[in-house]
Each structure stands twice: as structure tokens, then as C-alpha cells.
Amino acid sequence: MKNFEPDDFDAKLRAWKVEPAVPASFQREVWQRIAARQALRSESLWPRVAQWWLARLVRPQYATALVIFSLAGSVGAAHMQAQDARAKLGKELEERYAASVDPLTMMSR
């Protein structure tokens, strides 16, 4: 290997020039990318979420999962409402029975 003197090495580094070849459309493409990113950022969250969901619903497995999830949610909500209605009806029937058996309760009405 050759031994380089520091001054010789510094001179070679200073003489070294790199001229990168930049395409003519480089600046235009950069500004187009910046504009596209800004447009994406300025969009609201909900339209992007809706677009994402619609893109997924085209696939049968996602559509099937959504139908199953909707049915399970509907059945769960109906069950909770039925329990509430059943509890109210049970309380009303208890009161009616107590009123029919107890003569003092009948007089207060």
C-alpha cells in the first residue's frame, strides 16, 4: 500500500468534484408530492375512515364479519331491552297480585 502524505490527501479531496445528474422534472415532481401530501393531511378523518371501510367491505370476509357483528349487536340490544321490560312487567304483576289478595290494598286504590 502506498502511504499518503496528509497534504497530498487533502489536495486530492479538495480536487474531487461530484456533479449529480438531476432530471429536469425533479423539482416539479417534488412539488407535486408535497401538494398531494398536504391534500391528504387536509382531508377530514371521517371521510378517510369511510373510504377505508368501503374498500374493505368489497372483500367477502369483511362483509361477512360486519353482518355477524351487526346481528350480534342487535340481538344483544334486544335481549337487554327484553330483560328490562320483563322486570317491569314482573313488578306490576306482583303489585296486582298483592292488591287482589290484601283487602287493605284494594281500599287504598
PDB file of N, CA and C in Angstrom:
ATOM      1  N   MET A   1       0.838  -1.180   0.000  1.00  0.00           N
ATOM      2  CA  MET A   1       0.000   0.000   0.000  1.00  0.00           C
ATOM      3  C   MET A   1       0.878   1.235   0.000  1.00  0.00           C
ATOM      4  N   LYS A   2       0.376   2.228  -0.640  1.00  0.00           N
ATOM      5  CA  LYS A   2       1.098   3.495  -0.656  1.00  0.00           C
ATOM      6  C   LYS A   2       0.778   4.284   0.587  1.00  0.00           C
ATOM      7  N   ASN A   3       1.724   4.974   1.065  1.00  0.00           N
ATOM      8  CA  ASN A   3       1.487   5.897   2.174  1.00  0.00           C
ATOM      9  C   ASN A   3       1.285   7.290   1.600  1.00  0.00           C
ATOM     10  N   PHE A   4       0.169   7.893   1.983  1.00  0.00           N
ATOM     11  CA  PHE A   4      -0.132   9.238   1.510  1.00  0.00           C
ATOM     12  C   PHE A   4       0.266  10.252   2.563  1.00  0.00           C
ATOM     13  N   GLU A   5       0.776  11.327   2.082  1.00  0.00           N
ATOM     14  CA  GLU A   5       1.056  12.452   2.955  1.00  0.00           C
ATOM     15  C   GLU A   5      -0.261  13.169   3.214  1.00  0.00           C
ATOM     16  N   PRO A   6      -0.482  13.701   4.413  1.00  0.00           N
ATOM     17  CA  PRO A   6      -1.741  14.400   4.687  1.00  0.00           C
ATOM     18  C   PRO A   6      -2.008  15.548   3.721  1.00  0.00           C
ATOM     19  N   ASP A   7      -0.976  16.267   3.333  1.00  0.00           N
ATOM     20  CA  ASP A   7      -1.192  17.386   2.409  1.00  0.00           C
ATOM     21  C   ASP A   7      -1.626  16.882   1.043  1.00  0.00           C
ATOM     22  N   ASP A   8      -1.014  15.770   0.589  1.00  0.00           N
ATOM     23  CA  ASP A   8      -1.373  15.182  -0.702  1.00  0.00           C
ATOM     24  C   ASP A   8      -2.824  14.689  -0.684  1.00  0.00           C
ATOM     25  N   PHE A   9      -3.194  14.063   0.408  1.00  0.00           N
ATOM     26  CA  PHE A   9      -4.567  13.545   0.555  1.00  0.00           C
ATOM     27  C   PHE A   9      -5.578  14.693   0.582  1.00  0.00           C
ATOM     28  N   ASP A  10      -5.284  15.759   1.327  1.00  0.00           N
ATOM     29  CA  ASP A  10      -6.173  16.918   1.386  1.00  0.00           C
ATOM     30  C   ASP A  10      -6.340  17.552   0.013  1.00  0.00           C
ATOM     31  N   ALA A  11      -5.281  17.625  -0.738  1.00  0.00           N
ATOM     32  CA  ALA A  11      -5.344  18.216  -2.078  1.00  0.00           C
ATOM     33  C   ALA A  11      -6.229  17.380  -2.992  1.00  0.00           C
ATOM     34  N   LYS A  12      -6.121  16.067  -2.894  1.00  0.00           N
ATOM     35  CA  LYS A  12      -6.957  15.196  -3.725  1.00  0.00           C
ATOM     36  C   LYS A  12      -8.438  15.302  -3.326  1.00  0.00           C
ATOM     37  N   LEU A  13      -8.694  15.403  -2.016  1.00  0.00           N
ATOM     38  CA  LEU A  13     -10.084  15.554  -1.575  1.00  0.00           C
ATOM     39  C   LEU A  13     -10.671  16.877  -2.058  1.00  0.00           C
ATOM     40  N   ARG A  14      -9.898  17.939  -2.016  1.00  0.00           N
ATOM     41  CA  ARG A  14     -10.387  19.245  -2.470  1.00  0.00           C
ATOM     42  C   ARG A  14     -10.621  19.245  -3.980  1.00  0.00           C
ATOM     43  N   ALA A  15      -9.837  18.501  -4.711  1.00  0.00           N
ATOM     44  CA  ALA A  15      -9.963  18.458  -6.169  1.00  0.00           C
ATOM     45  C   ALA A  15     -11.137  17.588  -6.610  1.00  0.00           C
ATOM     46  N   TRP A  16     -11.585  16.736  -5.738  1.00  0.00           N
ATOM     47  CA  TRP A  16     -12.658  15.806  -6.091  1.00  0.00           C
ATOM     48  C   TRP A  16     -13.983  16.553  -6.179  1.00  0.00           C
ATOM     49  N   LYS A  17     -14.641  16.464  -7.300  1.00  0.00           N
ATOM     50  CA  LYS A  17     -15.919  17.137  -7.526  1.00  0.00           C
ATOM     51  C   LYS A  17     -16.956  16.097  -7.945  1.00  0.00           C
ATOM     52  N   VAL A  18     -18.128  16.213  -7.346  1.00  0.00           N
ATOM     53  CA  VAL A  18     -19.234  15.333  -7.700  1.00  0.00           C
ATOM     54  C   VAL A  18     -20.342  16.201  -8.275  1.00  0.00           C
ATOM     55  N   GLU A  19     -20.746  15.882  -9.455  1.00  0.00           N
ATOM     56  CA  GLU A  19     -21.837  16.619 -10.097  1.00  0.00           C
ATOM     57  C   GLU A  19     -22.977  15.633 -10.362  1.00  0.00           C
ATOM     58  N   PRO A  20     -23.948  15.593  -9.459  1.00  0.00           N
ATOM     59  CA  PRO A  20     -25.041  14.647  -9.644  1.00  0.00           C
ATOM     60  C   PRO A  20     -25.934  15.058 -10.809  1.00  0.00           C
ATOM     61  N   ALA A  21     -26.433  14.062 -11.490  1.00  0.00           N
ATOM     62  CA  ALA A  21     -27.335  14.320 -12.611  1.00  0.00           C
ATOM     63  C   ALA A  21     -28.759  14.350 -12.073  1.00  0.00           C
ATOM     64  N   VAL A  22     -29.393  15.509 -12.149  1.00  0.00           N
ATOM     65  CA  VAL A  22     -30.755  15.677 -11.656  1.00  0.00           C
ATOM     66  C   VAL A  22     -31.672  15.751 -12.865  1.00  0.00           C
ATOM     67  N   PRO A  23     -32.729  14.938 -12.890  1.00  0.00           N
ATOM     68  CA  PRO A  23     -33.648  15.005 -14.024  1.00  0.00           C
ATOM     69  C   PRO A  23     -34.312  16.382 -14.107  1.00  0.00           C
ATOM     70  N   ALA A  24     -34.713  16.756 -15.288  1.00  0.00           N
ATOM     71  CA  ALA A  24     -35.315  18.071 -15.498  1.00  0.00           C
ATOM     72  C   ALA A  24     -36.638  18.211 -14.757  1.00  0.00           C
ATOM     73  N   SER A  25     -37.355  17.114 -14.577  1.00  0.00           N
ATOM     74  CA  SER A  25     -38.676  17.180 -13.936  1.00  0.00           C
ATOM     75  C   SER A  25     -38.603  16.983 -12.419  1.00  0.00           C
ATOM     76  N   PHE A  26     -37.415  16.977 -11.851  1.00  0.00           N
ATOM     77  CA  PHE A  26     -37.250  16.703 -10.428  1.00  0.00           C
ATOM     78  C   PHE A  26     -38.011  17.696  -9.550  1.00  0.00           C
ATOM     79  N   GLN A  27     -37.815  18.974  -9.806  1.00  0.00           N
ATOM     80  CA  GLN A  27     -38.448  19.995  -8.966  1.00  0.00           C
ATOM     81  C   GLN A  27     -39.975  19.924  -9.082  1.00  0.00           C
ATOM     82  N   ARG A  28     -40.482  19.753 -10.292  1.00  0.00           N
ATOM     83  CA  ARG A  28     -41.927  19.659 -10.497  1.00  0.00           C
ATOM     84  C   ARG A  28     -42.494  18.451  -9.759  1.00  0.00           C
ATOM     85  N   GLU A  29     -41.824  17.311  -9.807  1.00  0.00           N
ATOM     86  CA  GLU A  29     -42.295  16.107  -9.128  1.00  0.00           C
ATOM     87  C   GLU A  29     -42.273  16.268  -7.613  1.00  0.00           C
ATOM     88  N   VAL A  30     -41.267  16.939  -7.097  1.00  0.00           N
ATOM     89  CA  VAL A  30     -41.196  17.177  -5.653  1.00  0.00           C
ATOM     90  C   VAL A  30     -42.381  18.018  -5.210  1.00  0.00           C
ATOM     91  N   TRP A  31     -42.672  19.076  -5.941  1.00  0.00           N
ATOM     92  CA  TRP A  31     -43.805  19.939  -5.558  1.00  0.00           C
ATOM     93  C   TRP A  31     -45.132  19.207  -5.707  1.00  0.00           C
ATOM     94  N   GLN A  32     -45.241  18.324  -6.675  1.00  0.00           N
ATOM     95  CA  GLN A  32     -46.463  17.530  -6.811  1.00  0.00           C
ATOM     96  C   GLN A  32     -46.640  16.601  -5.620  1.00  0.00           C
ATOM     97  N   ARG A  33     -45.564  15.977  -5.176  1.00  0.00           N
ATOM     98  CA  ARG A  33     -45.644  15.103  -3.993  1.00  0.00           C
ATOM     99  C   ARG A  33     -46.013  15.890  -2.748  1.00  0.00           C
ATOM    100  N   ILE A  34     -45.422  17.079  -2.597  1.00  0.00           N
ATOM    101  CA  ILE A  34     -45.754  17.921  -1.442  1.00  0.00           C
ATOM    102  C   ILE A  34     -47.225  18.298  -1.470  1.00  0.00           C
ATOM    103  N   ALA A  35     -47.738  18.684  -2.622  1.00  0.00           N
ATOM    104  CA  ALA A  35     -49.152  19.065  -2.744  1.00  0.00           C
ATOM    105  C   ALA A  35     -50.057  17.881  -2.447  1.00  0.00           C
ATOM    106  N   ALA A  36     -49.688  16.694  -2.902  1.00  0.00           N
ATOM    107  CA  ALA A  36     -50.510  15.501  -2.641  1.00  0.00           C
ATOM    108  C   ALA A  36     -50.537  15.185  -1.152  1.00  0.00           C
ATOM    109  N   ARG A  37     -49.409  15.283  -0.480  1.00  0.00           N
ATOM    110  CA  ARG A  37     -49.365  15.022   0.969  1.00  0.00           C
ATOM    111  C   ARG A  37     -50.183  16.044   1.740  1.00  0.00           C
ATOM    112  N   GLN A  38     -50.106  17.307   1.337  1.00  0.00           N
ATOM    113  CA  GLN A  38     -50.877  18.336   2.016  1.00  0.00           C
ATOM    114  C   GLN A  38     -52.372  18.125   1.803  1.00  0.00           C
ATOM    115  N   ALA A  39     -52.755  17.686   0.622  1.00  0.00           N
ATOM    116  CA  ALA A  39     -54.166  17.417   0.355  1.00  0.00           C
ATOM    117  C   ALA A  39     -54.660  16.270   1.226  1.00  0.00           C
ATOM    118  N   LEU A  40     -53.844  15.235   1.403  1.00  0.00           N
ATOM    119  CA  LEU A  40     -54.223  14.125   2.275  1.00  0.00           C
ATOM    120  C   LEU A  40     -54.366  14.581   3.717  1.00  0.00           C
ATOM    121  N   ARG A  41     -53.450  15.437   4.150  1.00  0.00           N
ATOM    122  CA  ARG A  41     -53.491  15.925   5.517  1.00  0.00           C
ATOM    123  C   ARG A  41     -54.703  16.811   5.767  1.00  0.00           C
ATOM    124  N   SER A  42     -55.114  17.562   4.757  1.00  0.00           N
ATOM    125  CA  SER A  42     -56.223  18.494   4.941  1.00  0.00           C
ATOM    126  C   SER A  42     -57.574  17.789   4.941  1.00  0.00           C
ATOM    127  N   GLU A  43     -57.641  16.567   4.424  1.00  0.00           N
ATOM    128  CA  GLU A  43     -58.905  15.823   4.445  1.00  0.00           C
ATOM    129  C   GLU A  43     -59.292  15.506   5.886  1.00  0.00           C
ATOM    130  N   SER A  44     -60.576  15.472   6.102  1.00  0.00           N
ATOM    131  CA  SER A  44     -61.078  15.143   7.430  1.00  0.00           C
ATOM    132  C   SER A  44     -60.858  13.665   7.719  1.00  0.00           C
ATOM    133  N   LEU A  45     -60.903  13.326   8.987  1.00  0.00           N
ATOM    134  CA  LEU A  45     -60.660  11.949   9.394  1.00  0.00           C
ATOM    135  C   LEU A  45     -61.784  11.026   8.943  1.00  0.00           C
ATOM    136  N   TRP A  46     -63.029  11.464   9.113  1.00  0.00           N
ATOM    137  CA  TRP A  46     -64.159  10.575   8.844  1.00  0.00           C
ATOM    138  C   TRP A  46     -64.298  10.172   7.384  1.00  0.00           C
ATOM    139  N   PRO A  47     -64.099  11.066   6.414  1.00  0.00           N
ATOM    140  CA  PRO A  47     -64.134  10.577   5.024  1.00  0.00           C
ATOM    141  C   PRO A  47     -63.057   9.545   4.728  1.00  0.00           C
ATOM    142  N   ARG A  48     -61.872   9.708   5.341  1.00  0.00           N
ATOM    143  CA  ARG A  48     -60.827   8.705   5.133  1.00  0.00           C
ATOM    144  C   ARG A  48     -61.205   7.374   5.770  1.00  0.00           C
ATOM    145  N   VAL A  49     -61.823   7.419   6.961  1.00  0.00           N
ATOM    146  CA  VAL A  49     -62.255   6.189   7.630  1.00  0.00           C
ATOM    147  C   VAL A  49     -63.336   5.508   6.795  1.00  0.00           C
ATOM    148  N   ALA A  50     -64.294   6.297   6.310  1.00  0.00           N
ATOM    149  CA  ALA A  50     -65.362   5.729   5.479  1.00  0.00           C
ATOM    150  C   ALA A  50     -64.800   5.117   4.201  1.00  0.00           C
ATOM    151  N   GLN A  51     -63.852   5.781   3.581  1.00  0.00           N
ATOM    152  CA  GLN A  51     -63.236   5.245   2.375  1.00  0.00           C
ATOM    153  C   GLN A  51     -62.500   3.941   2.673  1.00  0.00           C
ATOM    154  N   TRP A  52     -61.805   3.897   3.813  1.00  0.00           N
ATOM    155  CA  TRP A  52     -61.092   2.683   4.196  1.00  0.00           C
ATOM    156  C   TRP A  52     -62.067   1.528   4.399  1.00  0.00           C
ATOM    157  N   TRP A  53     -63.186   1.792   5.109  1.00  0.00           N
ATOM    158  CA  TRP A  53     -64.186   0.745   5.349  1.00  0.00           C
ATOM    159  C   TRP A  53     -64.797   0.259   4.052  1.00  0.00           C
ATOM    160  N   LEU A  54     -65.151   1.176   3.165  1.00  0.00           N
ATOM    161  CA  LEU A  54     -65.754   0.774   1.899  1.00  0.00           C
ATOM    162  C   LEU A  54     -64.795  -0.067   1.072  1.00  0.00           C
ATOM    163  N   ALA A  55     -63.523   0.260   1.139  1.00  0.00           N
ATOM    164  CA  ALA A  55     -62.537  -0.540   0.405  1.00  0.00           C
ATOM    165  C   ALA A  55     -62.446  -1.949   0.986  1.00  0.00           C
ATOM    166  N   ARG A  56     -62.639  -2.080   2.304  1.00  0.00           N
ATOM    167  CA  ARG A  56     -62.567  -3.393   2.940  1.00  0.00           C
ATOM    168  C   ARG A  56     -63.845  -4.201   2.731  1.00  0.00           C
ATOM    169  N   LEU A  57     -64.991  -3.538   2.654  1.00  0.00           N
ATOM    170  CA  LEU A  57     -66.263  -4.253   2.535  1.00  0.00           C
ATOM    171  C   LEU A  57     -66.438  -4.949   1.195  1.00  0.00           C
ATOM    172  N   VAL A  58     -65.614  -4.594   0.234  1.00  0.00           N
ATOM    173  CA  VAL A  58     -65.679  -5.273  -1.056  1.00  0.00           C
ATOM    174  C   VAL A  58     -65.271  -6.735  -0.898  1.00  0.00           C
ATOM    175  N   ARG A  59     -64.424  -6.993   0.068  1.00  0.00           N
ATOM    176  CA  ARG A  59     -63.973  -8.364   0.309  1.00  0.00           C
ATOM    177  C   ARG A  59     -65.046  -9.119   1.091  1.00  0.00           C
ATOM    178  N   PRO A  60     -65.368 -10.341   0.688  1.00  0.00           N
ATOM    179  CA  PRO A  60     -66.446 -11.094   1.343  1.00  0.00           C
ATOM    180  C   PRO A  60     -66.201 -11.367   2.826  1.00  0.00           C
ATOM    181  N   GLN A  61     -64.971 -11.632   3.228  1.00  0.00           N
ATOM    182  CA  GLN A  61     -64.731 -11.952   4.637  1.00  0.00           C
ATOM    183  C   GLN A  61     -65.018 -10.748   5.531  1.00  0.00           C
ATOM    184  N   TYR A  62     -64.710  -9.538   5.071  1.00  0.00           N
ATOM    185  CA  TYR A  62     -65.010  -8.351   5.877  1.00  0.00           C
ATOM    186  C   TYR A  62     -66.514  -8.088   5.917  1.00  0.00           C
ATOM    187  N   ALA A  63     -67.182  -8.279   4.775  1.00  0.00           N
ATOM    188  CA  ALA A  63     -68.625  -8.066   4.734  1.00  0.00           C
ATOM    189  C   ALA A  63     -69.326  -9.073   5.645  1.00  0.00           C
ATOM    190  N   THR A  64     -68.891 -10.317   5.626  1.00  0.00           N
ATOM    191  CA  THR A  64     -69.486 -11.341   6.483  1.00  0.00           C
ATOM    192  C   THR A  64     -69.249 -11.010   7.959  1.00  0.00           C
ATOM    193  N   ALA A  65     -68.062 -10.576   8.280  1.00  0.00           N
ATOM    194  CA  ALA A  65     -67.764 -10.211   9.667  1.00  0.00           C
ATOM    195  C   ALA A  65     -68.623  -9.042  10.115  1.00  0.00           C
ATOM    196  N   LEU A  66     -68.842  -8.074   9.242  1.00  0.00           N
ATOM    197  CA  LEU A  66     -69.683  -6.926   9.590  1.00  0.00           C
ATOM    198  C   LEU A  66     -71.129  -7.354   9.820  1.00  0.00           C
ATOM    199  N   VAL A  67     -71.650  -8.249   8.984  1.00  0.00           N
ATOM    200  CA  VAL A  67     -73.024  -8.739   9.154  1.00  0.00           C
ATOM    201  C   VAL A  67     -73.145  -9.500  10.476  1.00  0.00           C
ATOM    202  N   ILE A  68     -72.180 -10.356  10.778  1.00  0.00           N
ATOM    203  CA  ILE A  68     -72.219 -11.112  12.030  1.00  0.00           C
ATOM    204  C   ILE A  68     -72.133 -10.175  13.234  1.00  0.00           C
ATOM    205  N   PHE A  69     -71.257  -9.195  13.162  1.00  0.00           N
ATOM    206  CA  PHE A  69     -71.113  -8.229  14.254  1.00  0.00           C
ATOM    207  C   PHE A  69     -72.409  -7.430  14.439  1.00  0.00           C
ATOM    208  N   SER A  70     -73.032  -7.019  13.344  1.00  0.00           N
ATOM    209  CA  SER A  70     -74.294  -6.266  13.429  1.00  0.00           C
ATOM    210  C   SER A  70     -75.406  -7.118  14.032  1.00  0.00           C
ATOM    211  N   LEU A  71     -75.487  -8.357  13.610  1.00  0.00           N
ATOM    212  CA  LEU A  71     -76.518  -9.249  14.164  1.00  0.00           C
ATOM    213  C   LEU A  71     -76.291  -9.491  15.651  1.00  0.00           C
ATOM    214  N   ALA A  72     -75.057  -9.725  16.047  1.00  0.00           N
ATOM    215  CA  ALA A  72     -74.762  -9.957  17.458  1.00  0.00           C
ATOM    216  C   ALA A  72     -75.090  -8.715  18.292  1.00  0.00           C
ATOM    217  N   GLY A  73     -74.759  -7.549  17.781  1.00  0.00           N
ATOM    218  CA  GLY A  73     -75.091  -6.315  18.488  1.00  0.00           C
ATOM    219  C   GLY A  73     -76.583  -6.107  18.602  1.00  0.00           C
ATOM    220  N   SER A  74     -77.321  -6.398  17.540  1.00  0.00           N
ATOM    221  CA  SER A  74     -78.776  -6.239  17.557  1.00  0.00           C
ATOM    222  C   SER A  74     -79.425  -7.210  18.532  1.00  0.00           C
ATOM    223  N   VAL A  75     -78.978  -8.449  18.507  1.00  0.00           N
ATOM    224  CA  VAL A  75     -79.538  -9.445  19.424  1.00  0.00           C
ATOM    225  C   VAL A  75     -79.220  -9.071  20.869  1.00  0.00           C
ATOM    226  N   GLY A  76     -78.017  -8.591  21.119  1.00  0.00           N
ATOM    227  CA  GLY A  76     -77.642  -8.176  22.473  1.00  0.00           C
ATOM    228  C   GLY A  76     -78.482  -7.003  22.964  1.00  0.00           C
ATOM    229  N   ALA A  77     -78.703  -6.009  22.106  1.00  0.00           N
ATOM    230  CA  ALA A  77     -79.524  -4.858  22.492  1.00  0.00           C
ATOM    231  C   ALA A  77     -80.968  -5.275  22.732  1.00  0.00           C
ATOM    232  N   ALA A  78     -81.507  -6.137  21.884  1.00  0.00           N
ATOM    233  CA  ALA A  78     -82.883  -6.615  22.061  1.00  0.00           C
ATOM    234  C   ALA A  78     -83.022  -7.413  23.353  1.00  0.00           C
ATOM    235  N   HIS A  79     -82.020  -8.214  23.677  1.00  0.00           N
ATOM    236  CA  HIS A  79     -82.054  -9.003  24.904  1.00  0.00           C
ATOM    237  C   HIS A  79     -82.077  -8.101  26.135  1.00  0.00           C
ATOM    238  N   MET A  80     -81.261  -7.048  26.113  1.00  0.00           N
ATOM    239  CA  MET A  80     -81.241  -6.123  27.251  1.00  0.00           C
ATOM    240  C   MET A  80     -82.576  -5.401  27.402  1.00  0.00           C
ATOM    241  N   GLN A  81     -83.174  -4.988  26.300  1.00  0.00           N
ATOM    242  CA  GLN A  81     -84.476  -4.319  26.374  1.00  0.00           C
ATOM    243  C   GLN A  81     -85.549  -5.282  26.859  1.00  0.00           C
ATOM    244  N   ALA A  82     -85.493  -6.533  26.421  1.00  0.00           N
ATOM    245  CA  ALA A  82     -86.480  -7.519  26.858  1.00  0.00           C
ATOM    246  C   ALA A  82     -86.347  -7.794  28.349  1.00  0.00           C
ATOM    247  N   GLN A  83     -85.132  -7.845  28.874  1.00  0.00           N
ATOM    248  CA  GLN A  83     -84.944  -8.048  30.309  1.00  0.00           C
ATOM    249  C   GLN A  83     -85.550  -6.897  31.102  1.00  0.00           C
ATOM    250  N   ASP A  84     -85.361  -5.688  30.630  1.00  0.00           N
ATOM    251  CA  ASP A  84     -85.913  -4.516  31.312  1.00  0.00           C
ATOM    252  C   ASP A  84     -87.443  -4.561  31.288  1.00  0.00           C
ATOM    253  N   ALA A  85     -88.018  -4.868  30.137  1.00  0.00           N
ATOM    254  CA  ALA A  85     -89.477  -4.939  30.029  1.00  0.00           C
ATOM    255  C   ALA A  85     -90.028  -6.073  30.897  1.00  0.00           C
ATOM    256  N   ARG A  86     -89.332  -7.215  30.929  1.00  0.00           N
ATOM    257  CA  ARG A  86     -89.764  -8.343  31.744  1.00  0.00           C
ATOM    258  C   ARG A  86     -89.736  -7.987  33.238  1.00  0.00           C
ATOM    259  N   ALA A  87     -88.710  -7.255  33.659  1.00  0.00           N
ATOM    260  CA  ALA A  87     -88.603  -6.858  35.059  1.00  0.00           C
ATOM    261  C   ALA A  87     -89.748  -5.909  35.438  1.00  0.00           C
ATOM    262  N   LYS A  88     -90.068  -4.965  34.560  1.00  0.00           N
ATOM    263  CA  LYS A  88     -91.178  -4.035  34.832  1.00  0.00           C
ATOM    264  C   LYS A  88     -92.503  -4.776  34.902  1.00  0.00           C
ATOM    265  N   LEU A  89     -92.723  -5.696  33.972  1.00  0.00           N
ATOM    266  CA  LEU A  89     -93.970  -6.465  33.961  1.00  0.00           C
ATOM    267  C   LEU A  89     -94.068  -7.334  35.208  1.00  0.00           C
ATOM    268  N   GLY A  90     -92.957  -7.960  35.605  1.00  0.00           N
ATOM    269  CA  GLY A  90     -92.958  -8.787  36.818  1.00  0.00           C
ATOM    270  C   GLY A  90     -93.315  -7.969  38.048  1.00  0.00           C
ATOM    271  N   LYS A  91     -92.772  -6.766  38.152  1.00  0.00           N
ATOM    272  CA  LYS A  91     -93.074  -5.888  39.287  1.00  0.00           C
ATOM    273  C   LYS A  91     -94.561  -5.502  39.283  1.00  0.00           C
ATOM    274  N   GLU A  92     -95.085  -5.191  38.119  1.00  0.00           N
ATOM    275  CA  GLU A  92     -96.506  -4.828  38.014  1.00  0.00           C
ATOM    276  C   GLU A  92     -97.409  -5.997  38.391  1.00  0.00           C
ATOM    277  N   LEU A  93     -97.058  -7.196  37.952  1.00  0.00           N
ATOM    278  CA  LEU A  93     -97.865  -8.366  38.292  1.00  0.00           C
ATOM    279  C   LEU A  93     -97.814  -8.663  39.788  1.00  0.00           C
ATOM    280  N   GLU A  94     -96.661  -8.469  40.409  1.00  0.00           N
ATOM    281  CA  GLU A  94     -96.556  -8.640  41.867  1.00  0.00           C
ATOM    282  C   GLU A  94     -97.484  -7.678  42.591  1.00  0.00           C
ATOM    283  N   GLU A  95     -97.486  -6.423  42.141  1.00  0.00           N
ATOM    284  CA  GLU A  95     -98.351  -5.428  42.773  1.00  0.00           C
ATOM    285  C   GLU A  95     -99.831  -5.784  42.588  1.00  0.00           C
ATOM    286  N   ARG A  96    -100.198  -6.245  41.418  1.00  0.00           N
ATOM    287  CA  ARG A  96    -101.602  -6.635  41.170  1.00  0.00           C
ATOM    288  C   ARG A  96    -102.016  -7.808  42.050  1.00  0.00           C
ATOM    289  N   TYR A  97    -101.128  -8.799  42.149  1.00  0.00           N
ATOM    290  CA  TYR A  97    -101.445  -9.961  42.969  1.00  0.00           C
ATOM    291  C   TYR A  97    -101.599  -9.566  44.437  1.00  0.00           C
ATOM    292  N   ALA A  98    -100.658  -8.724  44.894  1.00  0.00           N
ATOM    293  CA  ALA A  98    -100.741  -8.285  46.293  1.00  0.00           C
ATOM    294  C   ALA A  98    -102.037  -7.508  46.526  1.00  0.00           C
ATOM    295  N   ALA A  99    -102.449  -6.721  45.576  1.00  0.00           N
ATOM    296  CA  ALA A  99    -103.685  -5.953  45.714  1.00  0.00           C
ATOM    297  C   ALA A  99    -104.902  -6.867  45.686  1.00  0.00           C
ATOM    298  N   SER A 100    -104.848  -7.921  44.918  1.00  0.00           N
ATOM    299  CA  SER A 100    -106.014  -8.815  44.837  1.00  0.00           C
ATOM    300  C   SER A 100    -106.161  -9.678  46.105  1.00  0.00           C
ATOM    301  N   VAL A 101    -105.070  -9.953  46.787  1.00  0.00           N
ATOM    302  CA  VAL A 101    -105.104 -10.797  47.975  1.00  0.00           C
ATOM    303  C   VAL A 101    -105.332  -9.962  49.235  1.00  0.00           C
ATOM    304  N   ASP A 102    -104.769  -8.805  49.299  1.00  0.00           N
ATOM    305  CA  ASP A 102    -104.821  -7.960  50.510  1.00  0.00           C
ATOM    306  C   ASP A 102    -105.977  -6.972  50.392  1.00  0.00           C
ATOM    307  N   PRO A 103    -106.998  -7.107  51.249  1.00  0.00           N
ATOM    308  CA  PRO A 103    -108.176  -6.219  51.153  1.00  0.00           C
ATOM    309  C   PRO A 103    -107.816  -4.778  51.494  1.00  0.00           C
ATOM    310  N   LEU A 104    -106.833  -4.552  52.346  1.00  0.00           N
ATOM    311  CA  LEU A 104    -106.463  -3.168  52.677  1.00  0.00           C
ATOM    312  C   LEU A 104    -105.843  -2.451  51.489  1.00  0.00           C
ATOM    313  N   THR A 105    -105.109  -3.146  50.678  1.00  0.00           N
ATOM    314  CA  THR A 105    -104.508  -2.556  49.489  1.00  0.00           C
ATOM    315  C   THR A 105    -105.591  -2.174  48.500  1.00  0.00           C
ATOM    316  N   MET A 106    -106.650  -3.004  48.413  1.00  0.00           N
ATOM    317  CA  MET A 106    -107.738  -2.721  47.481  1.00  0.00           C
ATOM    318  C   MET A 106    -108.458  -1.433  47.899  1.00  0.00           C
ATOM    319  N   MET A 107    -108.609  -1.146  49.199  1.00  0.00           N
ATOM    320  CA  MET A 107    -109.315   0.038  49.664  1.00  0.00           C
ATOM    321  C   MET A 107    -108.530   1.310  49.377  1.00  0.00           C
ATOM    322  N   SER A 108    -107.206   1.216  49.356  1.00  0.00           N
ATOM    323  CA  SER A 108    -106.389   2.409  49.142  1.00  0.00           C
ATOM    324  C   SER A 108    -106.443   2.869  47.697  1.00  0.00           C
ATOM    325  N   ARG A 109    -106.932   2.060  46.836  1.00  0.00           N
ATOM    326  CA  ARG A 109    -106.995   2.444  45.416  1.00  0.00           C
ATOM    327  C   ARG A 109    -108.233   3.152  45.094  1.00  0.00           C
TER     328      ARG A 109
END
